[in-house]
Amino acid sequence: MNKKKKCTSRLGWRKTLGELGESHTADFLCKKGWTIVERNWRAGRYAEVDIIAFDPQKVLVFIEVKTRIENEDRVGFIDSGFDKLNQRKINKMISVSQLYISKCLVRQDDIGLGCRFDAFVLYYPSLVRQADWGGFNTIEQLISVKPEILHIKDLLA
């Protein structure tokens, strides 16, 4: 990732914020003993898994990361990042995981103790929002801001 990248547009800002959220999640998982296998694994043009990792118990986990900025006016579920984890997204994760397993894992033993689907929602403090889109314009300025991380284990349970 280019750490000097400027965020000149709202779309660029959101993409940078998402990439930073994925990096924070990967670092968080490594500190907890997880093994990152892939990041941003693509299956065609429209399907991607943010992180594929083995948890400490050797379960293969397909992870979706949603990054949000806290909002004092947030009302429940819809603004919390979970609104994008709908049935369509879950079906896409299942399809991509099946393709990944069939293409990338040589032996059944590579799956370990099975697989599951997790989600991580990261909340950056509202001060990031108050700084306006141009206030934090490089990744270096955002790295010092630590998000709150919420882990949802096993989306299909």
Protein backbone atom coordinates (compact mmCIF):
# COMPACT_ATOMS: atom_id res chain seq x y z
CA MET A 1 0.00 0.00 0.00
CA ASN A 2 1.34 3.42 -0.90
CA LYS A 3 1.52 5.27 2.39
CA LYS A 4 1.91 8.71 0.75
CA LYS A 5 -1.33 8.39 -1.21
CA LYS A 6 -3.48 11.51 -1.09
CA CYS A 7 -7.22 11.27 -0.65
CA THR A 8 -8.45 13.98 -2.97
CA SER A 9 -12.04 12.85 -3.33
CA ARG A 10 -14.70 11.43 -1.08
CA LEU A 11 -14.41 8.07 -2.90
CA GLY A 12 -10.61 8.10 -2.42
CA TRP A 13 -11.11 8.91 1.26
CA ARG A 14 -13.53 5.99 1.75
CA LYS A 15 -11.21 3.58 -0.09
CA THR A 16 -8.26 4.70 2.03
CA LEU A 17 -10.31 4.37 5.22
CA GLY A 18 -11.38 0.86 4.17
CA GLU A 19 -7.80 -0.19 3.41
CA LEU A 20 -6.67 1.14 6.78
CA GLY A 21 -9.47 -0.78 8.51
CA GLU A 22 -8.37 -3.99 6.79
CA SER A 23 -4.76 -3.35 7.85
CA HIS A 24 -5.80 -2.74 11.47
CA THR A 25 -7.86 -5.94 11.39
CA ALA A 26 -4.97 -8.00 9.97
CA ASP A 27 -2.59 -6.60 12.63
CA PHE A 28 -5.18 -7.32 15.35
CA LEU A 29 -5.56 -10.92 14.16
CA CYS A 30 -1.80 -11.53 13.98
CA LYS A 31 -1.42 -10.30 17.58
CA LYS A 32 -4.15 -12.79 18.60
CA GLY A 33 -2.28 -15.73 17.02
CA TRP A 34 -4.12 -15.95 13.71
CA THR A 35 -2.26 -16.76 10.47
CA ILE A 36 -3.14 -14.53 7.53
CA VAL A 37 -3.30 -16.61 4.33
CA GLU A 38 -4.60 -14.02 1.84
CA ARG A 39 -5.65 -10.39 1.74
CA ASN A 40 -8.06 -9.03 -0.86
CA TRP A 41 -8.35 -12.37 -2.66
CA ARG A 42 -10.35 -11.88 -5.85
CA ALA A 43 -12.49 -14.38 -7.71
CA GLY A 44 -13.31 -12.54 -10.88
CA ARG A 45 -14.34 -8.95 -11.22
CA TYR A 46 -17.04 -8.63 -8.56
CA ALA A 47 -16.13 -11.05 -5.81
CA GLU A 48 -13.48 -10.47 -3.17
CA VAL A 49 -12.68 -11.67 0.33
CA ASP A 50 -11.00 -9.04 2.49
CA ILE A 51 -9.00 -11.48 4.62
CA ILE A 52 -8.59 -15.26 4.61
CA ALA A 53 -6.91 -16.59 7.74
CA PHE A 54 -6.52 -19.55 10.06
CA ASP A 55 -7.65 -18.85 13.61
CA PRO A 56 -5.58 -20.25 16.50
CA GLN A 57 -7.65 -23.48 16.43
CA LYS A 58 -6.72 -23.95 12.71
CA VAL A 59 -10.20 -23.16 11.36
CA LEU A 60 -10.09 -21.46 7.96
CA VAL A 61 -11.95 -18.14 8.28
CA PHE A 62 -13.24 -15.94 5.48
CA ILE A 63 -13.44 -12.40 6.83
CA GLU A 64 -15.40 -9.38 5.69
CA VAL A 65 -14.19 -6.05 7.11
CA LYS A 66 -16.47 -3.02 7.36
CA THR A 67 -14.96 0.29 8.41
CA ARG A 68 -17.12 3.10 9.74
CA ILE A 69 -16.71 6.48 11.40
CA GLU A 70 -18.65 6.89 14.63
CA ASN A 71 -21.61 9.18 14.46
CA GLU A 72 -23.21 10.63 17.57
CA ASP A 73 -26.57 10.48 15.77
CA ARG A 74 -26.13 6.77 14.97
CA VAL A 75 -29.39 4.95 15.45
CA GLY A 76 -28.95 1.23 15.95
CA PHE A 77 -28.15 -1.38 13.38
CA ILE A 78 -28.44 0.41 10.06
CA ASP A 79 -25.45 2.76 10.49
CA SER A 80 -23.26 0.30 12.34
CA GLY A 81 -21.70 -1.44 9.34
CA PHE A 82 -23.93 -4.47 9.52
CA ASP A 83 -26.34 -3.04 6.97
CA LYS A 84 -23.95 -4.18 4.22
CA LEU A 85 -23.77 -7.74 5.58
CA ASN A 86 -27.03 -8.71 3.93
CA GLN A 87 -28.01 -12.05 2.41
CA ARG A 88 -26.62 -11.08 -0.99
CA LYS A 89 -23.19 -10.36 0.52
CA ILE A 90 -23.24 -13.59 2.55
CA ASN A 91 -24.17 -15.62 -0.56
CA LYS A 92 -21.29 -13.99 -2.41
CA MET A 93 -18.91 -14.86 0.44
CA ILE A 94 -20.04 -18.50 0.30
CA SER A 95 -19.49 -18.69 -3.47
CA VAL A 96 -16.05 -17.08 -3.24
CA SER A 97 -15.03 -19.37 -0.39
CA GLN A 98 -16.01 -22.45 -2.39
CA LEU A 99 -13.97 -21.20 -5.32
CA TYR A 100 -11.00 -20.42 -3.07
CA ILE A 101 -11.08 -23.88 -1.50
CA SER A 102 -11.32 -25.62 -4.87
CA LYS A 103 -8.59 -23.51 -6.53
CA CYS A 104 -6.10 -22.82 -3.76
CA LEU A 105 -6.18 -25.67 -1.29
CA VAL A 106 -4.39 -28.76 -2.57
CA ARG A 107 -5.45 -31.26 0.08
CA GLN A 108 -8.52 -31.54 2.27
CA ASP A 109 -6.12 -31.36 5.24
CA ASP A 110 -5.32 -27.78 4.24
CA ILE A 111 -8.76 -26.74 5.46
CA GLY A 112 -7.81 -27.73 9.00
CA LEU A 113 -10.88 -28.04 11.20
CA GLY A 114 -13.34 -26.67 8.65
CA CYS A 115 -14.21 -23.11 7.75
CA ARG A 116 -16.48 -20.30 8.82
CA PHE A 117 -17.39 -16.72 7.93
CA ASP A 118 -16.61 -13.84 10.28
CA ALA A 119 -17.05 -10.11 10.08
CA PHE A 120 -15.13 -7.30 11.70
CA VAL A 121 -16.66 -3.85 12.00
CA LEU A 122 -14.24 -1.07 12.87
CA TYR A 123 -15.38 2.26 14.26
CA TYR A 124 -13.06 5.23 14.02
CA PRO A 125 -13.87 8.02 16.48
CA SER A 126 -16.07 10.89 15.34
CA LEU A 127 -13.09 13.28 15.41
CA VAL A 128 -12.13 11.78 12.05
CA ARG A 129 -15.52 12.86 10.65
CA GLN A 130 -15.22 16.32 12.23
CA ALA A 131 -11.86 16.81 10.54
CA ASP A 132 -13.71 16.89 7.20
CA TRP A 133 -12.73 14.89 4.14
CA GLY A 134 -9.60 16.92 3.57
CA GLY A 135 -8.52 17.11 7.22
CA PHE A 136 -6.75 13.76 7.23
CA ASN A 137 -5.36 13.44 3.74
CA THR A 138 -2.66 10.82 4.12
CA ILE A 139 -2.63 7.40 5.70
CA GLU A 140 0.15 8.49 8.10
CA GLN A 141 -2.28 10.95 9.69
CA LEU A 142 -4.87 8.21 10.22
CA ILE A 143 -2.56 5.47 11.52
CA SER A 144 -2.37 7.02 14.99
CA VAL A 145 -6.18 6.90 15.31
CA LYS A 146 -7.08 3.51 16.80
CA PRO A 147 -10.51 2.15 15.95
CA GLU A 148 -12.88 0.19 18.13
CA ILE A 149 -13.03 -3.36 16.72
CA LEU A 150 -16.13 -5.50 16.88
CA HIS A 151 -15.74 -9.17 15.87
CA ILE A 152 -18.78 -11.11 14.75
CA LYS A 153 -17.89 -14.76 14.79
CA ASP A 154 -19.62 -17.21 12.46
CA LEU A 155 -22.09 -15.20 10.39
CA LEU A 156 -23.95 -18.34 9.36
CA ALA A 157 -24.58 -19.68 12.86
